[in-house]
Amino acid sequence: MLIERRVRGGIVDGSITVLFRQWRRPQVVAGRRYRTTAGILDMVEVDLITAAEVSDADAKAAGYPCAQDAVADLPAPGDLPLYRLRFRRDDGPDPRDVLAHTQALSEADVAELDRRLDRMDRHSTHGPWTRPVLAAIERRPGVRAAELAAGFGREVFAFKNDVRKLKALGLTLSLEVGYKLAPRGEAYLGRTERTGLDGRPDRRT
């Protein structure tokens, strides 16, 4: 779920516990957890409301002085459904970050990563991509996603979506610009045969 820059600090310090979203259908569900740029959010309530039902208390919990200001800041046309999201920020560590910084890999861990990456490759519409993308990120940390995508002849949005799949496995980390291998990704490549963009294997000893 995307979080606008304006509210990130308030979510982190706990002063913002409400968001307003205009969606044709709800994109989040009460009772689930969502990773965001402001941390992990536990969604408590997701209510379909009208602009007239936005209260001053809700507005202040969303970082606005009053309901009028909150409604005036809605970006989409007024006929688009409006949802009020109440949430709690989980102050604990992101399990994905903990996983990414875990360097000790057992044989079972490596085998499971092999299985997951092989499955992604098999179900890809553009051929095997997981190891070449890991190799490219290893060689070119901090390079813009658009430039990396161009090297594969890929559209940037689809390429970013693939890298997010690697991040979900704890293998990559996002930087302000581009990506780098996570410690887990470095450990994985150090334990397995790596295939570069030219398709030739390079075994680390």
C-alpha atoms as a PDB file:
ATOM      1  CA  MET A   1       0.000   0.000   0.000  1.00  0.00           C
ATOM      2  CA  LEU A   2       1.358   3.387  -0.996  1.00  0.00           C
ATOM      3  CA  ILE A   3       1.772   5.988   1.746  1.00  0.00           C
ATOM      4  CA  GLU A   4       2.145   9.626   0.783  1.00  0.00           C
ATOM      5  CA  ARG A   5       5.226  11.431   2.065  1.00  0.00           C
ATOM      6  CA  ARG A   6       3.098  13.945   3.991  1.00  0.00           C
ATOM      7  CA  VAL A   7       1.933  11.379   6.550  1.00  0.00           C
ATOM      8  CA  ARG A   8       4.905   9.028   6.894  1.00  0.00           C
ATOM      9  CA  GLY A   9       6.436  10.803   9.862  1.00  0.00           C
ATOM     10  CA  GLY A  10       3.101  10.926  11.688  1.00  0.00           C
ATOM     11  CA  ILE A  11       2.504   7.220  11.134  1.00  0.00           C
ATOM     12  CA  VAL A  12       5.960   6.413  12.457  1.00  0.00           C
ATOM     13  CA  ASP A  13       5.548   8.558  15.605  1.00  0.00           C
ATOM     14  CA  GLY A  14       1.994   7.315  16.191  1.00  0.00           C
ATOM     15  CA  SER A  15       0.166  10.612  15.736  1.00  0.00           C
ATOM     16  CA  ILE A  16      -1.553   9.446  12.536  1.00  0.00           C
ATOM     17  CA  THR A  17      -3.798   6.389  12.797  1.00  0.00           C
ATOM     18  CA  VAL A  18      -6.335   7.066  10.027  1.00  0.00           C
ATOM     19  CA  LEU A  19      -6.057   7.280   6.242  1.00  0.00           C
ATOM     20  CA  PHE A  20      -8.655   8.176   3.649  1.00  0.00           C
ATOM     21  CA  ARG A  21      -8.630   6.413   0.309  1.00  0.00           C
ATOM     22  CA  GLN A  22     -10.825   6.705  -2.777  1.00  0.00           C
ATOM     23  CA  TRP A  23     -11.082   3.318  -4.464  1.00  0.00           C
ATOM     24  CA  ARG A  24     -13.598   1.696  -6.772  1.00  0.00           C
ATOM     25  CA  ARG A  25     -13.203  -1.356  -4.550  1.00  0.00           C
ATOM     26  CA  PRO A  26     -11.293  -1.751  -1.262  1.00  0.00           C
ATOM     27  CA  GLN A  27      -7.599  -2.509  -1.683  1.00  0.00           C
ATOM     28  CA  VAL A  28      -7.013  -3.551   1.940  1.00  0.00           C
ATOM     29  CA  VAL A  29      -8.890  -5.796   4.366  1.00  0.00           C
ATOM     30  CA  ALA A  30      -9.429  -5.357   8.098  1.00  0.00           C
ATOM     31  CA  GLY A  31      -7.442  -7.830  10.157  1.00  0.00           C
ATOM     32  CA  ARG A  32      -4.522  -8.071   7.741  1.00  0.00           C
ATOM     33  CA  ARG A  33      -1.021  -6.598   7.861  1.00  0.00           C
ATOM     34  CA  TYR A  34       0.516  -4.472   5.135  1.00  0.00           C
ATOM     35  CA  ARG A  35       4.106  -3.477   4.480  1.00  0.00           C
ATOM     36  CA  THR A  36       4.431   0.207   3.622  1.00  0.00           C
ATOM     37  CA  THR A  37       7.109   2.878   3.416  1.00  0.00           C
ATOM     38  CA  ALA A  38       6.036   3.882   6.945  1.00  0.00           C
ATOM     39  CA  GLY A  39       6.431   0.376   8.366  1.00  0.00           C
ATOM     40  CA  ILE A  40       4.070  -2.544   8.893  1.00  0.00           C
ATOM     41  CA  LEU A  41       0.454  -1.497   9.436  1.00  0.00           C
ATOM     42  CA  ASP A  42      -2.143  -3.701  11.124  1.00  0.00           C
ATOM     43  CA  MET A  43      -5.456  -2.781   9.500  1.00  0.00           C
ATOM     44  CA  VAL A  44      -8.092  -2.478  12.228  1.00  0.00           C
ATOM     45  CA  GLU A  45     -11.123  -1.147  10.319  1.00  0.00           C
ATOM     46  CA  VAL A  46     -11.948  -0.456   6.684  1.00  0.00           C
ATOM     47  CA  ASP A  47     -15.206   1.494   6.398  1.00  0.00           C
ATOM     48  CA  LEU A  48     -17.020   2.792   3.334  1.00  0.00           C
ATOM     49  CA  ILE A  49     -18.153   6.328   4.184  1.00  0.00           C
ATOM     50  CA  THR A  50     -19.324   9.519   2.533  1.00  0.00           C
ATOM     51  CA  ALA A  51     -17.454  12.810   2.601  1.00  0.00           C
ATOM     52  CA  ALA A  52     -20.140  14.154   4.946  1.00  0.00           C
ATOM     53  CA  GLU A  53     -19.284  11.402   7.459  1.00  0.00           C
ATOM     54  CA  VAL A  54     -15.670  12.520   7.825  1.00  0.00           C
ATOM     55  CA  SER A  55     -15.488  13.865  11.371  1.00  0.00           C
ATOM     56  CA  ASP A  56     -13.059  16.377  12.820  1.00  0.00           C
ATOM     57  CA  ALA A  57     -11.698  13.591  15.046  1.00  0.00           C
ATOM     58  CA  ASP A  58     -11.059  11.374  12.012  1.00  0.00           C
ATOM     59  CA  ALA A  59      -9.456  14.271  10.164  1.00  0.00           C
ATOM     60  CA  LYS A  60      -7.095  15.040  13.048  1.00  0.00           C
ATOM     61  CA  ALA A  61      -6.168  11.346  13.302  1.00  0.00           C
ATOM     62  CA  ALA A  62      -5.294  11.571   9.583  1.00  0.00           C
ATOM     63  CA  GLY A  63      -3.106  14.665  10.083  1.00  0.00           C
ATOM     64  CA  TYR A  64      -5.572  17.407   9.094  1.00  0.00           C
ATOM     65  CA  PRO A  65      -6.789  20.338  11.229  1.00  0.00           C
ATOM     66  CA  CYS A  66     -10.465  19.597  10.510  1.00  0.00           C
ATOM     67  CA  ALA A  67     -12.855  17.533   8.404  1.00  0.00           C
ATOM     68  CA  GLN A  68     -13.241  20.302   5.826  1.00  0.00           C
ATOM     69  CA  ASP A  69      -9.507  20.272   5.098  1.00  0.00           C
ATOM     70  CA  ALA A  70      -9.450  16.472   4.843  1.00  0.00           C
ATOM     71  CA  VAL A  71     -12.310  16.411   2.346  1.00  0.00           C
ATOM     72  CA  ALA A  72     -10.807  19.264   0.340  1.00  0.00           C
ATOM     73  CA  ASP A  73      -7.575  17.275   0.003  1.00  0.00           C
ATOM     74  CA  LEU A  74      -9.232  14.220  -1.554  1.00  0.00           C
ATOM     75  CA  PRO A  75      -7.532  13.841  -4.934  1.00  0.00           C
ATOM     76  CA  ALA A  76     -10.187  12.007  -6.930  1.00  0.00           C
ATOM     77  CA  PRO A  77     -13.702  13.037  -8.023  1.00  0.00           C
ATOM     78  CA  GLY A  78     -16.330  13.008  -5.305  1.00  0.00           C
ATOM     79  CA  ASP A  79     -18.334  10.196  -6.903  1.00  0.00           C
ATOM     80  CA  LEU A  80     -15.492   7.715  -6.297  1.00  0.00           C
ATOM     81  CA  PRO A  81     -16.137   5.586  -3.164  1.00  0.00           C
ATOM     82  CA  LEU A  82     -14.384   6.862  -0.043  1.00  0.00           C
ATOM     83  CA  TYR A  83     -12.858   4.518   2.539  1.00  0.00           C
ATOM     84  CA  ARG A  84     -11.672   5.312   6.043  1.00  0.00           C
ATOM     85  CA  LEU A  85      -8.801   3.105   7.172  1.00  0.00           C
ATOM     86  CA  ARG A  86      -8.039   2.761  10.872  1.00  0.00           C
ATOM     87  CA  PHE A  87      -4.739   1.053  11.618  1.00  0.00           C
ATOM     88  CA  ARG A  88      -2.016   0.401  14.153  1.00  0.00           C
ATOM     89  CA  ARG A  89       1.656   0.553  13.282  1.00  0.00           C
ATOM     90  CA  ASP A  90       3.632  -2.499  14.333  1.00  0.00           C
ATOM     91  CA  ASP A  91       6.787  -1.219  16.020  1.00  0.00           C
ATOM     92  CA  GLY A  92       8.508  -4.586  15.832  1.00  0.00           C
ATOM     93  CA  PRO A  93      11.089  -5.407  13.172  1.00  0.00           C
ATOM     94  CA  ASP A  94       9.847  -6.205   9.692  1.00  0.00           C
ATOM     95  CA  PRO A  95      10.208  -9.997   9.329  1.00  0.00           C
ATOM     96  CA  ARG A  96      11.281  -9.456   5.732  1.00  0.00           C
ATOM     97  CA  ASP A  97      14.133  -7.192   6.868  1.00  0.00           C
ATOM     98  CA  VAL A  98      15.198  -9.745   9.469  1.00  0.00           C
ATOM     99  CA  LEU A  99      15.167 -12.435   6.772  1.00  0.00           C
ATOM    100  CA  ALA A 100      17.165 -10.249   4.357  1.00  0.00           C
ATOM    101  CA  HIS A 101      19.930  -9.758   6.925  1.00  0.00           C
ATOM    102  CA  THR A 102      20.204 -13.452   7.776  1.00  0.00           C
ATOM    103  CA  GLN A 103      23.448 -14.698   6.259  1.00  0.00           C
ATOM    104  CA  ALA A 104      23.525 -18.211   7.711  1.00  0.00           C
ATOM    105  CA  LEU A 105      21.874 -20.518   5.177  1.00  0.00           C
ATOM    106  CA  SER A 106      21.384 -24.214   5.755  1.00  0.00           C
ATOM    107  CA  GLU A 107      21.311 -26.742   2.950  1.00  0.00           C
ATOM    108  CA  ALA A 108      17.542 -26.777   3.346  1.00  0.00           C
ATOM    109  CA  ASP A 109      17.416 -22.967   3.015  1.00  0.00           C
ATOM    110  CA  VAL A 110      19.415 -23.085  -0.212  1.00  0.00           C
ATOM    111  CA  ALA A 111      17.278 -25.899  -1.586  1.00  0.00           C
ATOM    112  CA  GLU A 112      14.095 -23.975  -0.805  1.00  0.00           C
ATOM    113  CA  LEU A 113      15.408 -20.826  -2.485  1.00  0.00           C
ATOM    114  CA  ASP A 114      16.403 -22.919  -5.494  1.00  0.00           C
ATOM    115  CA  ARG A 115      12.884 -24.336  -5.614  1.00  0.00           C
ATOM    116  CA  ARG A 116      11.215 -20.912  -5.335  1.00  0.00           C
ATOM    117  CA  LEU A 117      13.428 -19.304  -7.968  1.00  0.00           C
ATOM    118  CA  ASP A 118      13.027 -22.252 -10.328  1.00  0.00           C
ATOM    119  CA  ARG A 119       9.267 -21.971  -9.961  1.00  0.00           C
ATOM    120  CA  MET A 120       9.366 -18.243 -10.817  1.00  0.00           C
ATOM    121  CA  ASP A 121      11.442 -19.033 -13.895  1.00  0.00           C
ATOM    122  CA  ARG A 122       9.061 -21.777 -15.036  1.00  0.00           C
ATOM    123  CA  HIS A 123       6.023 -19.526 -14.722  1.00  0.00           C
ATOM    124  CA  SER A 124       7.668 -16.536 -16.375  1.00  0.00           C
ATOM    125  CA  THR A 125       6.327 -15.261 -19.693  1.00  0.00           C
ATOM    126  CA  HIS A 126       9.782 -13.933 -20.623  1.00  0.00           C
ATOM    127  CA  GLY A 127      11.976 -16.910 -19.824  1.00  0.00           C
ATOM    128  CA  PRO A 128      14.273 -17.652 -16.866  1.00  0.00           C
ATOM    129  CA  TRP A 129      15.168 -14.366 -15.177  1.00  0.00           C
ATOM    130  CA  THR A 130      15.822 -14.834 -11.462  1.00  0.00           C
ATOM    131  CA  ARG A 131      19.555 -15.634 -11.432  1.00  0.00           C
ATOM    132  CA  PRO A 132      20.455 -13.171 -14.222  1.00  0.00           C
ATOM    133  CA  VAL A 133      18.651 -10.362 -12.355  1.00  0.00           C
ATOM    134  CA  LEU A 134      20.396 -11.262  -9.090  1.00  0.00           C
ATOM    135  CA  ALA A 135      23.724 -11.285 -10.943  1.00  0.00           C
ATOM    136  CA  ALA A 136      22.983  -7.894 -12.519  1.00  0.00           C
ATOM    137  CA  ILE A 137      22.110  -6.357  -9.153  1.00  0.00           C
ATOM    138  CA  GLU A 138      25.261  -7.840  -7.635  1.00  0.00           C
ATOM    139  CA  ARG A 139      27.418  -6.294 -10.358  1.00  0.00           C
ATOM    140  CA  ARG A 140      25.597  -2.970 -10.534  1.00  0.00           C
ATOM    141  CA  PRO A 141      24.284  -1.939  -7.103  1.00  0.00           C
ATOM    142  CA  GLY A 142      22.608   1.454  -6.975  1.00  0.00           C
ATOM    143  CA  VAL A 143      21.870   1.535 -10.717  1.00  0.00           C
ATOM    144  CA  ARG A 144      18.462   2.903 -11.689  1.00  0.00           C
ATOM    145  CA  ALA A 145      15.798   0.283 -12.269  1.00  0.00           C
ATOM    146  CA  ALA A 146      15.087   1.690 -15.725  1.00  0.00           C
ATOM    147  CA  GLU A 147      18.706   1.170 -16.741  1.00  0.00           C
ATOM    148  CA  LEU A 148      18.776  -2.387 -15.398  1.00  0.00           C
ATOM    149  CA  ALA A 149      15.466  -3.140 -17.115  1.00  0.00           C
ATOM    150  CA  ALA A 150      16.779  -1.813 -20.429  1.00  0.00           C
ATOM    151  CA  GLY A 151      19.700  -4.229 -20.193  1.00  0.00           C
ATOM    152  CA  PHE A 152      17.180  -7.073 -20.256  1.00  0.00           C
ATOM    153  CA  GLY A 153      14.955  -5.483 -22.875  1.00  0.00           C
ATOM    154  CA  ARG A 154      12.232  -5.262 -20.223  1.00  0.00           C
ATOM    155  CA  GLU A 155       9.592  -2.673 -19.435  1.00  0.00           C
ATOM    156  CA  VAL A 156      10.551  -0.968 -16.184  1.00  0.00           C
ATOM    157  CA  PHE A 157       7.291  -1.555 -14.278  1.00  0.00           C
ATOM    158  CA  ALA A 158       7.343  -5.302 -14.993  1.00  0.00           C
ATOM    159  CA  PHE A 159      11.041  -5.443 -14.103  1.00  0.00           C
ATOM    160  CA  LYS A 160      10.410  -3.725 -10.758  1.00  0.00           C
ATOM    161  CA  ASN A 161       7.637  -6.199 -10.050  1.00  0.00           C
ATOM    162  CA  ASP A 162      10.092  -9.062 -10.599  1.00  0.00           C
ATOM    163  CA  VAL A 163      12.640  -7.502  -8.258  1.00  0.00           C
ATOM    164  CA  ARG A 164       9.932  -7.161  -5.599  1.00  0.00           C
ATOM    165  CA  LYS A 165       9.510 -10.949  -5.806  1.00  0.00           C
ATOM    166  CA  LEU A 166      13.212 -11.359  -5.048  1.00  0.00           C
ATOM    167  CA  LYS A 167      12.920  -8.870  -2.194  1.00  0.00           C
ATOM    168  CA  ALA A 168      10.046 -10.906  -0.728  1.00  0.00           C
ATOM    169  CA  LEU A 169      12.479 -13.835  -0.494  1.00  0.00           C
ATOM    170  CA  GLY A 170      14.971 -11.650   1.371  1.00  0.00           C
ATOM    171  CA  LEU A 171      17.466 -11.638  -1.508  1.00  0.00           C
ATOM    172  CA  THR A 172      17.549  -7.936  -2.450  1.00  0.00           C
ATOM    173  CA  LEU A 173      17.234  -4.557  -0.773  1.00  0.00           C
ATOM    174  CA  SER A 174      15.887  -1.328  -2.242  1.00  0.00           C
ATOM    175  CA  LEU A 175      18.106   1.761  -2.186  1.00  0.00           C
ATOM    176  CA  GLU A 176      17.185   5.407  -2.741  1.00  0.00           C
ATOM    177  CA  VAL A 177      18.261   4.673  -6.307  1.00  0.00           C
ATOM    178  CA  GLY A 178      18.270   1.106  -7.553  1.00  0.00           C
ATOM    179  CA  TYR A 179      18.929  -2.027  -5.532  1.00  0.00           C
ATOM    180  CA  LYS A 180      21.640  -4.114  -3.919  1.00  0.00           C
ATOM    181  CA  LEU A 181      21.891  -7.710  -2.804  1.00  0.00           C
ATOM    182  CA  ALA A 182      20.793  -8.328   0.749  1.00  0.00           C
ATOM    183  CA  PRO A 183      23.193 -10.254   2.998  1.00  0.00           C
ATOM    184  CA  ARG A 184      20.929 -13.268   2.423  1.00  0.00           C
ATOM    185  CA  GLY A 185      21.221 -12.775  -1.334  1.00  0.00           C
ATOM    186  CA  GLU A 186      25.009 -12.537  -1.110  1.00  0.00           C
ATOM    187  CA  ALA A 187      25.104 -15.705   0.959  1.00  0.00           C
ATOM    188  CA  TYR A 188      22.851 -17.505  -1.511  1.00  0.00           C
ATOM    189  CA  LEU A 189      24.981 -16.590  -4.509  1.00  0.00           C
ATOM    190  CA  GLY A 190      28.038 -17.592  -2.549  1.00  0.00           C
ATOM    191  CA  ARG A 191      26.569 -21.071  -2.048  1.00  0.00           C
ATOM    192  CA  THR A 192      25.264 -21.721  -5.531  1.00  0.00           C
ATOM    193  CA  GLU A 193      26.304 -21.683  -9.128  1.00  0.00           C
ATOM    194  CA  ARG A 194      25.729 -18.202 -10.509  1.00  0.00           C
ATOM    195  CA  THR A 195      24.771 -17.600 -14.110  1.00  0.00           C
ATOM    196  CA  GLY A 196      25.612 -14.203 -15.565  1.00  0.00           C
ATOM    197  CA  LEU A 197      23.765 -12.253 -18.202  1.00  0.00           C
ATOM    198  CA  ASP A 198      25.785 -14.027 -20.877  1.00  0.00           C
ATOM    199  CA  GLY A 199      24.508 -17.381 -19.612  1.00  0.00           C
ATOM    200  CA  ARG A 200      27.930 -18.686 -18.579  1.00  0.00           C
ATOM    201  CA  PRO A 201      28.216 -20.136 -15.066  1.00  0.00           C
ATOM    202  CA  ASP A 202      30.691 -18.675 -12.590  1.00  0.00           C
ATOM    203  CA  ARG A 203      31.176 -20.746  -9.467  1.00  0.00           C
ATOM    204  CA  ARG A 204      32.463 -18.943  -6.412  1.00  0.00           C
ATOM    205  CA  THR A 205      34.907 -20.917  -4.339  1.00  0.00           C
END
